[in-house]
N, C-alpha and C. Protein backbone atom coordinates (compact mmCIF):
# COMPACT_ATOMS: atom_id res chain seq x y z
N MET A 1 -17.23 -9.10 -9.27
CA MET A 1 -16.70 -10.17 -8.46
C MET A 1 -15.20 -9.93 -8.28
N GLN A 2 -14.79 -9.81 -7.05
CA GLN A 2 -13.40 -9.50 -6.75
C GLN A 2 -12.66 -10.71 -6.20
N TRP A 3 -11.34 -10.54 -6.09
CA TRP A 3 -10.42 -11.59 -5.68
C TRP A 3 -10.89 -12.31 -4.42
N GLN A 4 -11.21 -11.57 -3.38
CA GLN A 4 -11.57 -12.20 -2.10
C GLN A 4 -12.79 -13.10 -2.24
N TRP A 5 -13.77 -12.67 -3.02
CA TRP A 5 -14.96 -13.47 -3.20
C TRP A 5 -14.62 -14.77 -3.93
N ILE A 6 -13.82 -14.66 -4.98
CA ILE A 6 -13.42 -15.84 -5.74
C ILE A 6 -12.62 -16.80 -4.86
N GLN A 7 -11.74 -16.26 -4.04
CA GLN A 7 -10.93 -17.10 -3.16
C GLN A 7 -11.77 -17.75 -2.05
N ALA A 8 -12.85 -17.08 -1.64
CA ALA A 8 -13.74 -17.65 -0.62
C ALA A 8 -14.45 -18.91 -1.15
N LEU A 9 -14.54 -19.04 -2.46
CA LEU A 9 -15.16 -20.20 -3.09
C LEU A 9 -14.18 -21.33 -3.34
N TYR A 10 -12.95 -21.16 -2.91
CA TYR A 10 -11.87 -22.11 -3.22
C TYR A 10 -12.26 -23.55 -2.92
N ASP A 11 -11.91 -24.40 -3.86
CA ASP A 11 -12.03 -25.85 -3.71
C ASP A 11 -10.71 -26.41 -4.21
N PRO A 12 -10.15 -27.41 -3.55
CA PRO A 12 -8.88 -27.98 -4.01
C PRO A 12 -8.93 -28.50 -5.45
N ASP A 13 -10.11 -28.83 -5.92
CA ASP A 13 -10.28 -29.27 -7.30
C ASP A 13 -10.54 -28.04 -8.17
N ALA A 14 -9.65 -27.78 -9.12
CA ALA A 14 -9.75 -26.58 -9.94
C ALA A 14 -11.05 -26.52 -10.73
N VAL A 15 -11.55 -27.65 -11.20
CA VAL A 15 -12.78 -27.66 -11.99
C VAL A 15 -13.97 -27.24 -11.11
N ARG A 16 -14.02 -27.75 -9.89
CA ARG A 16 -15.11 -27.36 -8.98
C ARG A 16 -14.98 -25.89 -8.56
N HIS A 17 -13.75 -25.44 -8.32
CA HIS A 17 -13.52 -24.03 -7.97
C HIS A 17 -14.01 -23.14 -9.11
N HIS A 18 -13.65 -23.49 -10.33
CA HIS A 18 -14.07 -22.74 -11.51
C HIS A 18 -15.59 -22.74 -11.63
N ALA A 19 -16.21 -23.89 -11.45
CA ALA A 19 -17.68 -23.98 -11.56
C ALA A 19 -18.36 -23.10 -10.52
N ALA A 20 -17.84 -23.07 -9.31
CA ALA A 20 -18.45 -22.24 -8.26
C ALA A 20 -18.35 -20.76 -8.60
N ALA A 21 -17.20 -20.34 -9.12
CA ALA A 21 -17.01 -18.93 -9.47
C ALA A 21 -17.76 -18.53 -10.73
N SER A 22 -18.11 -19.51 -11.55
CA SER A 22 -18.79 -19.23 -12.83
C SER A 22 -20.31 -19.35 -12.71
N ALA A 23 -20.81 -19.78 -11.56
CA ALA A 23 -22.25 -20.04 -11.40
C ALA A 23 -23.05 -18.74 -11.33
N GLY A 24 -24.25 -18.82 -11.84
CA GLY A 24 -25.20 -17.71 -11.72
C GLY A 24 -24.98 -16.60 -12.73
N GLU A 25 -25.90 -15.65 -12.71
CA GLU A 25 -25.84 -14.53 -13.66
C GLU A 25 -24.62 -13.64 -13.44
N GLU A 26 -24.19 -13.52 -12.20
CA GLU A 26 -23.05 -12.66 -11.88
C GLU A 26 -21.73 -13.42 -11.87
N GLY A 27 -21.75 -14.70 -12.28
CA GLY A 27 -20.54 -15.50 -12.26
C GLY A 27 -19.56 -15.08 -13.34
N LEU A 28 -18.32 -15.51 -13.15
CA LEU A 28 -17.28 -15.22 -14.12
C LEU A 28 -17.49 -16.01 -15.40
N VAL A 29 -17.19 -15.38 -16.51
CA VAL A 29 -17.13 -16.07 -17.80
C VAL A 29 -15.65 -16.06 -18.15
N ILE A 30 -15.01 -17.21 -17.89
CA ILE A 30 -13.56 -17.28 -18.00
C ILE A 30 -13.16 -18.71 -18.35
N PRO A 31 -12.28 -18.87 -19.33
CA PRO A 31 -11.83 -20.23 -19.66
C PRO A 31 -11.17 -20.90 -18.44
N LEU A 32 -11.38 -22.18 -18.31
CA LEU A 32 -10.81 -22.93 -17.19
C LEU A 32 -9.30 -22.75 -17.13
N GLU A 33 -8.62 -22.79 -18.27
CA GLU A 33 -7.16 -22.67 -18.29
C GLU A 33 -6.70 -21.33 -17.70
N VAL A 34 -7.44 -20.27 -17.96
CA VAL A 34 -7.10 -18.96 -17.40
C VAL A 34 -7.44 -18.94 -15.91
N PHE A 35 -8.63 -19.40 -15.57
CA PHE A 35 -9.06 -19.42 -14.18
C PHE A 35 -8.07 -20.17 -13.31
N GLU A 36 -7.66 -21.33 -13.79
CA GLU A 36 -6.74 -22.15 -13.01
C GLU A 36 -5.42 -21.42 -12.75
N GLN A 37 -4.87 -20.77 -13.77
CA GLN A 37 -3.60 -20.07 -13.61
C GLN A 37 -3.71 -18.85 -12.71
N VAL A 38 -4.79 -18.08 -12.87
CA VAL A 38 -4.91 -16.81 -12.16
C VAL A 38 -5.48 -17.00 -10.76
N PHE A 39 -6.58 -17.70 -10.63
CA PHE A 39 -7.29 -17.76 -9.36
C PHE A 39 -7.02 -19.02 -8.55
N HIS A 40 -6.86 -20.15 -9.20
CA HIS A 40 -6.68 -21.40 -8.46
C HIS A 40 -5.22 -21.59 -8.03
N ASP A 41 -4.30 -21.49 -8.97
CA ASP A 41 -2.89 -21.72 -8.66
C ASP A 41 -2.32 -20.67 -7.70
N HIS A 42 -2.92 -19.50 -7.65
CA HIS A 42 -2.44 -18.42 -6.78
C HIS A 42 -3.29 -18.26 -5.52
N HIS A 43 -4.02 -19.30 -5.18
CA HIS A 43 -4.96 -19.23 -4.06
C HIS A 43 -4.33 -18.67 -2.78
N ASP A 44 -3.18 -19.13 -2.40
CA ASP A 44 -2.54 -18.69 -1.15
C ASP A 44 -1.42 -17.68 -1.38
N ASP A 45 -1.40 -17.03 -2.51
CA ASP A 45 -0.33 -16.09 -2.86
C ASP A 45 -0.75 -14.68 -2.47
N ALA A 46 -0.36 -14.24 -1.28
CA ALA A 46 -0.77 -12.93 -0.77
C ALA A 46 -0.25 -11.79 -1.64
N GLU A 47 0.97 -11.90 -2.13
CA GLU A 47 1.54 -10.84 -2.97
C GLU A 47 0.73 -10.69 -4.26
N PHE A 48 0.40 -11.81 -4.88
CA PHE A 48 -0.42 -11.76 -6.10
C PHE A 48 -1.80 -11.20 -5.78
N GLY A 49 -2.38 -11.66 -4.67
CA GLY A 49 -3.70 -11.18 -4.26
C GLY A 49 -3.73 -9.69 -4.05
N THR A 50 -2.69 -9.13 -3.47
CA THR A 50 -2.61 -7.68 -3.28
C THR A 50 -2.61 -6.96 -4.61
N ARG A 51 -1.95 -7.53 -5.57
CA ARG A 51 -1.85 -6.91 -6.90
C ARG A 51 -3.18 -6.86 -7.64
N VAL A 52 -4.05 -7.86 -7.42
CA VAL A 52 -5.29 -7.97 -8.21
C VAL A 52 -6.57 -7.82 -7.39
N ARG A 53 -6.46 -7.53 -6.12
CA ARG A 53 -7.63 -7.56 -5.23
C ARG A 53 -8.71 -6.55 -5.56
N ASP A 54 -8.36 -5.42 -6.16
CA ASP A 54 -9.36 -4.38 -6.41
C ASP A 54 -10.02 -4.48 -7.78
N VAL A 55 -9.64 -5.47 -8.57
CA VAL A 55 -10.20 -5.63 -9.91
C VAL A 55 -11.58 -6.28 -9.82
N ASP A 56 -12.54 -5.71 -10.55
CA ASP A 56 -13.82 -6.39 -10.75
C ASP A 56 -13.63 -7.28 -11.97
N TRP A 57 -13.61 -8.59 -11.75
CA TRP A 57 -13.30 -9.55 -12.80
C TRP A 57 -14.50 -9.88 -13.66
N THR A 58 -15.71 -9.51 -13.23
CA THR A 58 -16.92 -9.88 -13.96
C THR A 58 -16.95 -9.33 -15.39
N PRO A 59 -16.61 -8.06 -15.62
CA PRO A 59 -16.72 -7.56 -17.00
C PRO A 59 -15.51 -7.86 -17.89
N ILE A 60 -14.59 -8.68 -17.41
CA ILE A 60 -13.40 -8.99 -18.21
C ILE A 60 -13.73 -10.09 -19.20
N THR A 61 -13.41 -9.85 -20.46
CA THR A 61 -13.56 -10.89 -21.48
C THR A 61 -12.18 -11.44 -21.81
N TRP A 62 -12.12 -12.74 -22.02
CA TRP A 62 -10.86 -13.42 -22.25
C TRP A 62 -10.82 -13.99 -23.66
N GLY A 63 -9.70 -13.83 -24.30
CA GLY A 63 -9.53 -14.41 -25.61
C GLY A 63 -8.12 -14.91 -25.82
N ALA A 64 -8.01 -15.96 -26.59
CA ALA A 64 -6.69 -16.46 -26.98
C ALA A 64 -6.27 -15.67 -28.21
N THR A 65 -5.06 -15.19 -28.21
CA THR A 65 -4.53 -14.43 -29.32
C THR A 65 -3.06 -14.79 -29.50
N THR A 66 -2.50 -14.43 -30.62
CA THR A 66 -1.08 -14.69 -30.83
C THR A 66 -0.30 -13.39 -30.82
N MET A 67 0.90 -13.48 -30.30
CA MET A 67 1.81 -12.34 -30.28
C MET A 67 3.20 -12.85 -30.66
N THR A 68 3.95 -12.01 -31.32
CA THR A 68 5.33 -12.36 -31.65
C THR A 68 6.22 -12.12 -30.43
N GLY A 69 7.40 -12.70 -30.47
CA GLY A 69 8.36 -12.43 -29.41
C GLY A 69 8.65 -10.95 -29.29
N ALA A 70 8.73 -10.27 -30.43
CA ALA A 70 8.98 -8.82 -30.41
C ALA A 70 7.84 -8.08 -29.71
N GLN A 71 6.61 -8.48 -29.97
CA GLN A 71 5.47 -7.85 -29.29
C GLN A 71 5.49 -8.17 -27.79
N LEU A 72 5.86 -9.39 -27.46
CA LEU A 72 5.88 -9.79 -26.05
C LEU A 72 6.96 -9.04 -25.28
N ARG A 73 8.01 -8.58 -25.95
CA ARG A 73 9.04 -7.78 -25.28
C ARG A 73 8.47 -6.42 -24.83
N GLN A 74 7.34 -6.02 -25.39
CA GLN A 74 6.71 -4.75 -25.03
C GLN A 74 5.69 -4.88 -23.90
N VAL A 75 5.38 -6.11 -23.51
CA VAL A 75 4.41 -6.36 -22.45
C VAL A 75 5.01 -5.92 -21.11
N GLY A 76 4.20 -5.26 -20.30
CA GLY A 76 4.65 -4.83 -18.98
C GLY A 76 4.83 -6.02 -18.04
N VAL A 77 5.87 -5.95 -17.23
CA VAL A 77 6.13 -6.96 -16.19
C VAL A 77 6.22 -6.20 -14.87
N PRO A 78 5.38 -6.55 -13.90
CA PRO A 78 5.46 -5.86 -12.61
C PRO A 78 6.86 -5.99 -12.00
N ARG A 79 7.29 -4.94 -11.36
CA ARG A 79 8.64 -4.88 -10.81
C ARG A 79 8.98 -6.11 -9.95
N GLN A 80 8.05 -6.54 -9.11
CA GLN A 80 8.35 -7.65 -8.20
C GLN A 80 8.54 -8.98 -8.92
N TYR A 81 8.15 -9.05 -10.21
CA TYR A 81 8.30 -10.28 -10.98
C TYR A 81 9.35 -10.18 -12.08
N GLN A 82 9.94 -9.00 -12.25
CA GLN A 82 10.92 -8.81 -13.31
C GLN A 82 12.14 -9.71 -13.10
N PHE A 83 12.53 -9.94 -11.86
CA PHE A 83 13.67 -10.81 -11.59
C PHE A 83 13.44 -12.21 -12.13
N ALA A 84 12.21 -12.74 -11.98
CA ALA A 84 11.91 -14.08 -12.47
C ALA A 84 12.07 -14.16 -13.99
N VAL A 85 11.62 -13.12 -14.69
CA VAL A 85 11.77 -13.08 -16.15
C VAL A 85 13.25 -13.02 -16.51
N ASP A 86 13.98 -12.11 -15.87
CA ASP A 86 15.40 -11.93 -16.18
C ASP A 86 16.22 -13.18 -15.86
N GLU A 87 15.94 -13.79 -14.70
CA GLU A 87 16.68 -14.99 -14.31
C GLU A 87 16.44 -16.13 -15.29
N ALA A 88 15.17 -16.36 -15.67
CA ALA A 88 14.87 -17.43 -16.63
C ALA A 88 15.52 -17.13 -17.98
N ARG A 89 15.50 -15.88 -18.40
CA ARG A 89 16.13 -15.50 -19.67
C ARG A 89 17.62 -15.82 -19.66
N ILE A 90 18.31 -15.38 -18.62
CA ILE A 90 19.76 -15.59 -18.54
C ILE A 90 20.10 -17.08 -18.47
N LEU A 91 19.39 -17.82 -17.63
CA LEU A 91 19.66 -19.26 -17.51
C LEU A 91 19.32 -20.00 -18.80
N THR A 92 18.28 -19.55 -19.50
CA THR A 92 17.92 -20.18 -20.77
C THR A 92 18.99 -19.92 -21.82
N ILE A 93 19.53 -18.72 -21.83
CA ILE A 93 20.63 -18.42 -22.75
C ILE A 93 21.80 -19.36 -22.49
N GLU A 94 22.11 -19.59 -21.21
CA GLU A 94 23.26 -20.40 -20.84
C GLU A 94 23.01 -21.91 -20.94
N GLU A 95 21.79 -22.34 -20.54
CA GLU A 95 21.54 -23.77 -20.36
C GLU A 95 20.35 -24.33 -21.12
N GLY A 96 19.51 -23.50 -21.69
CA GLY A 96 18.28 -23.95 -22.31
C GLY A 96 17.10 -23.67 -21.40
N PRO A 97 15.90 -24.03 -21.84
CA PRO A 97 14.68 -23.71 -21.08
C PRO A 97 14.73 -24.18 -19.63
N GLN A 98 14.21 -23.34 -18.75
CA GLN A 98 14.24 -23.60 -17.32
C GLN A 98 12.94 -24.22 -16.85
N ASP A 99 12.95 -25.50 -16.63
CA ASP A 99 11.80 -26.21 -16.07
C ASP A 99 12.27 -27.59 -15.67
N ASP A 100 11.74 -28.09 -14.56
CA ASP A 100 12.13 -29.41 -14.07
C ASP A 100 11.42 -30.54 -14.79
N ARG A 101 10.36 -30.21 -15.52
CA ARG A 101 9.56 -31.25 -16.19
C ARG A 101 10.10 -31.50 -17.60
N PRO A 102 10.53 -32.73 -17.87
CA PRO A 102 11.09 -33.05 -19.19
C PRO A 102 10.12 -32.76 -20.33
N GLU A 103 8.82 -32.98 -20.12
CA GLU A 103 7.85 -32.74 -21.19
C GLU A 103 7.77 -31.26 -21.56
N VAL A 104 8.03 -30.37 -20.61
CA VAL A 104 8.03 -28.93 -20.90
C VAL A 104 9.26 -28.57 -21.71
N VAL A 105 10.42 -29.06 -21.29
CA VAL A 105 11.66 -28.78 -22.02
C VAL A 105 11.58 -29.36 -23.43
N ASP A 106 11.04 -30.58 -23.55
CA ASP A 106 10.88 -31.20 -24.86
C ASP A 106 9.95 -30.38 -25.75
N HIS A 107 8.89 -29.84 -25.17
CA HIS A 107 7.95 -29.04 -25.96
C HIS A 107 8.62 -27.76 -26.47
N TRP A 108 9.40 -27.12 -25.61
CA TRP A 108 10.14 -25.94 -26.06
C TRP A 108 11.03 -26.30 -27.25
N ARG A 109 11.74 -27.42 -27.11
CA ARG A 109 12.67 -27.85 -28.17
C ARG A 109 11.91 -28.15 -29.46
N ASP A 110 10.80 -28.86 -29.36
CA ASP A 110 10.07 -29.32 -30.55
C ASP A 110 9.18 -28.25 -31.17
N ALA A 111 8.51 -27.46 -30.33
CA ALA A 111 7.52 -26.51 -30.84
C ALA A 111 8.02 -25.06 -30.83
N GLY A 112 9.06 -24.78 -30.06
CA GLY A 112 9.58 -23.42 -29.99
C GLY A 112 8.65 -22.46 -29.28
N THR A 113 7.81 -22.99 -28.41
CA THR A 113 6.89 -22.14 -27.66
C THR A 113 6.46 -22.88 -26.39
N TRP A 114 5.67 -22.24 -25.59
CA TRP A 114 5.20 -22.83 -24.33
C TRP A 114 4.06 -23.80 -24.55
N ARG A 115 3.87 -24.70 -23.59
CA ARG A 115 2.76 -25.66 -23.62
C ARG A 115 1.47 -24.99 -23.18
N VAL A 116 1.56 -24.16 -22.16
CA VAL A 116 0.40 -23.47 -21.61
C VAL A 116 0.60 -21.98 -21.81
N PRO A 117 -0.32 -21.33 -22.54
CA PRO A 117 -0.15 -19.89 -22.80
C PRO A 117 -0.19 -19.08 -21.50
N PRO A 118 0.72 -18.11 -21.38
CA PRO A 118 0.68 -17.22 -20.23
C PRO A 118 -0.56 -16.32 -20.30
N VAL A 119 -0.85 -15.64 -19.20
CA VAL A 119 -2.04 -14.81 -19.09
C VAL A 119 -1.62 -13.35 -18.99
N LEU A 120 -2.17 -12.54 -19.90
CA LEU A 120 -1.94 -11.10 -19.91
C LEU A 120 -3.26 -10.40 -19.61
N ILE A 121 -3.15 -9.18 -19.15
CA ILE A 121 -4.33 -8.36 -18.89
C ILE A 121 -4.07 -6.98 -19.49
N ALA A 122 -5.10 -6.39 -20.05
CA ALA A 122 -4.95 -5.03 -20.58
C ALA A 122 -4.62 -4.10 -19.42
N GLY A 123 -3.60 -3.28 -19.59
CA GLY A 123 -3.14 -2.39 -18.53
C GLY A 123 -4.22 -1.57 -17.84
N PRO A 124 -5.17 -0.99 -18.60
CA PRO A 124 -6.20 -0.19 -17.94
C PRO A 124 -7.05 -0.98 -16.93
N VAL A 125 -7.16 -2.29 -17.09
CA VAL A 125 -7.94 -3.10 -16.15
C VAL A 125 -7.33 -3.00 -14.75
N LEU A 126 -6.00 -2.97 -14.69
CA LEU A 126 -5.31 -2.87 -13.40
C LEU A 126 -5.02 -1.43 -13.02
N GLY A 127 -5.45 -0.50 -13.88
CA GLY A 127 -5.20 0.91 -13.61
C GLY A 127 -3.75 1.29 -13.73
N ARG A 128 -2.99 0.57 -14.56
CA ARG A 128 -1.55 0.77 -14.64
C ARG A 128 -1.11 1.57 -15.87
N SER A 129 -1.52 1.13 -17.05
CA SER A 129 -1.00 1.73 -18.28
C SER A 129 -1.93 1.40 -19.43
N ASP A 130 -1.57 1.86 -20.59
CA ASP A 130 -2.35 1.53 -21.78
C ASP A 130 -1.93 0.19 -22.38
N GLY A 131 -0.72 -0.25 -22.09
CA GLY A 131 -0.23 -1.49 -22.66
C GLY A 131 -0.70 -2.71 -21.89
N ASP A 132 -0.44 -3.87 -22.47
CA ASP A 132 -0.79 -5.13 -21.81
C ASP A 132 0.24 -5.44 -20.74
N GLU A 133 -0.20 -6.16 -19.69
CA GLU A 133 0.68 -6.52 -18.59
C GLU A 133 0.58 -8.03 -18.34
N LEU A 134 1.70 -8.64 -18.05
CA LEU A 134 1.74 -10.07 -17.76
C LEU A 134 1.20 -10.32 -16.35
N LEU A 135 0.20 -11.21 -16.27
CA LEU A 135 -0.35 -11.62 -14.96
C LEU A 135 0.32 -12.89 -14.46
N VAL A 136 0.45 -13.87 -15.35
CA VAL A 136 0.97 -15.19 -14.98
C VAL A 136 1.82 -15.71 -16.13
N GLY A 137 3.00 -16.26 -15.80
CA GLY A 137 3.84 -16.87 -16.82
C GLY A 137 5.20 -16.22 -16.94
N PHE A 138 5.75 -15.76 -15.83
CA PHE A 138 7.01 -15.01 -15.86
C PHE A 138 8.19 -15.87 -16.30
N THR A 139 8.27 -17.10 -15.81
CA THR A 139 9.36 -17.99 -16.23
C THR A 139 9.20 -18.35 -17.69
N ARG A 140 7.95 -18.59 -18.13
CA ARG A 140 7.71 -18.91 -19.54
C ARG A 140 8.19 -17.76 -20.43
N LEU A 141 7.89 -16.54 -20.03
CA LEU A 141 8.31 -15.39 -20.83
C LEU A 141 9.83 -15.28 -20.85
N GLY A 142 10.46 -15.49 -19.71
CA GLY A 142 11.92 -15.47 -19.66
C GLY A 142 12.54 -16.55 -20.51
N ASN A 143 11.95 -17.75 -20.49
CA ASN A 143 12.43 -18.83 -21.36
C ASN A 143 12.35 -18.41 -22.83
N LEU A 144 11.22 -17.83 -23.22
CA LEU A 144 11.07 -17.39 -24.60
C LEU A 144 12.13 -16.36 -24.97
N PHE A 145 12.32 -15.36 -24.13
CA PHE A 145 13.31 -14.33 -24.43
C PHE A 145 14.71 -14.94 -24.55
N GLY A 146 15.04 -15.88 -23.67
CA GLY A 146 16.34 -16.54 -23.75
C GLY A 146 16.51 -17.33 -25.03
N LEU A 147 15.45 -18.03 -25.45
CA LEU A 147 15.53 -18.80 -26.70
C LEU A 147 15.65 -17.89 -27.91
N ILE A 148 14.98 -16.74 -27.86
CA ILE A 148 15.12 -15.76 -28.95
C ILE A 148 16.55 -15.24 -28.96
N ASP A 149 17.07 -14.87 -27.78
CA ASP A 149 18.43 -14.34 -27.69
C ASP A 149 19.47 -15.36 -28.14
N ARG A 150 19.23 -16.64 -27.90
CA ARG A 150 20.13 -17.71 -28.35
C ARG A 150 20.04 -17.96 -29.85
N GLY A 151 18.96 -17.48 -30.47
CA GLY A 151 18.72 -17.74 -31.88
C GLY A 151 17.98 -19.04 -32.12
N ASP A 152 17.47 -19.67 -31.07
CA ASP A 152 16.74 -20.93 -31.22
C ASP A 152 15.30 -20.72 -31.68
N VAL A 153 14.76 -19.54 -31.41
CA VAL A 153 13.38 -19.20 -31.80
C VAL A 153 13.44 -17.83 -32.47
N PRO A 154 12.82 -17.67 -33.65
CA PRO A 154 12.82 -16.37 -34.30
C PRO A 154 11.98 -15.35 -33.51
N GLY A 155 12.44 -14.12 -33.47
CA GLY A 155 11.72 -13.07 -32.75
C GLY A 155 10.35 -12.77 -33.32
N LEU A 156 10.14 -13.12 -34.59
CA LEU A 156 8.83 -12.87 -35.21
C LEU A 156 7.91 -14.08 -35.18
N ALA A 157 8.37 -15.19 -34.58
CA ALA A 157 7.50 -16.36 -34.42
C ALA A 157 6.34 -15.98 -33.50
N LYS A 158 5.17 -16.56 -33.76
CA LYS A 158 3.98 -16.23 -32.98
C LYS A 158 3.76 -17.24 -31.87
N HIS A 159 3.26 -16.72 -30.75
CA HIS A 159 3.04 -17.53 -29.55
C HIS A 159 1.64 -17.22 -29.01
N LEU A 160 0.93 -18.25 -28.63
CA LEU A 160 -0.41 -18.10 -28.10
C LEU A 160 -0.36 -17.55 -26.68
N VAL A 161 -1.21 -16.57 -26.40
CA VAL A 161 -1.36 -16.02 -25.05
C VAL A 161 -2.85 -15.82 -24.78
N TRP A 162 -3.21 -15.78 -23.51
CA TRP A 162 -4.55 -15.39 -23.09
C TRP A 162 -4.50 -13.91 -22.76
N LEU A 163 -5.50 -13.16 -23.23
CA LEU A 163 -5.55 -11.72 -22.97
C LEU A 163 -6.92 -11.36 -22.43
N GLY A 164 -6.94 -10.70 -21.28
CA GLY A 164 -8.18 -10.24 -20.69
C GLY A 164 -8.33 -8.74 -20.88
N ARG A 165 -9.53 -8.36 -21.31
CA ARG A 165 -9.86 -6.93 -21.52
C ARG A 165 -11.22 -6.66 -20.90
N ARG A 166 -11.43 -5.42 -20.54
CA ARG A 166 -12.73 -5.01 -20.03
C ARG A 166 -13.72 -4.99 -21.19
N ASP A 167 -14.92 -5.52 -20.94
CA ASP A 167 -15.96 -5.50 -21.96
C ASP A 167 -16.16 -4.10 -22.51
N ALA A 168 -16.45 -4.00 -23.81
CA ALA A 168 -16.76 -2.70 -24.41
C ALA A 168 -17.95 -2.10 -23.67
N GLY A 169 -17.89 -0.81 -23.44
CA GLY A 169 -18.98 -0.14 -22.76
C GLY A 169 -18.81 -0.09 -21.25
N GLN A 170 -17.82 -0.79 -20.71
CA GLN A 170 -17.57 -0.76 -19.28
C GLN A 170 -16.53 0.33 -18.99
N PRO A 171 -16.68 1.06 -17.90
CA PRO A 171 -15.67 2.08 -17.58
C PRO A 171 -14.33 1.42 -17.28
N SER A 172 -13.26 2.12 -17.66
CA SER A 172 -11.90 1.60 -17.41
C SER A 172 -11.53 1.69 -15.97
């Protein structure tokens, strides 16, 4: 199941969109939180669609895992999104977490991490590299790096992320 097929099922309601893409034997097995960030929120994002259009999403398994800030510094960021990470990092160093929603800023202050885990994909899934690559959450990652650089969050603190990998036994 590829990007265009999933987008053809689009429904303004994320739960219904997810249900349509998950239906049947060939449907996606994907947590709603991941589906919403990757497929629903980026519905009209042509640049994002170009980046992921050739991926067969059916054999991807998703799991929540923790990574330290140091490990997250090793995650690949596509060139076209590196500016968003760098900008959020610099502004966070200067002013604190970058978000217009007070509940998000409060959560960073209180928990030292994001409210919604960003989404990573194993590099071989996109045919890019052996390392993991960030799919969604560039500002969140920049906020984290800025807070680490400010000394507000330890670099070895663990943060929840979603990670997608190709099922074992599937060709890369």
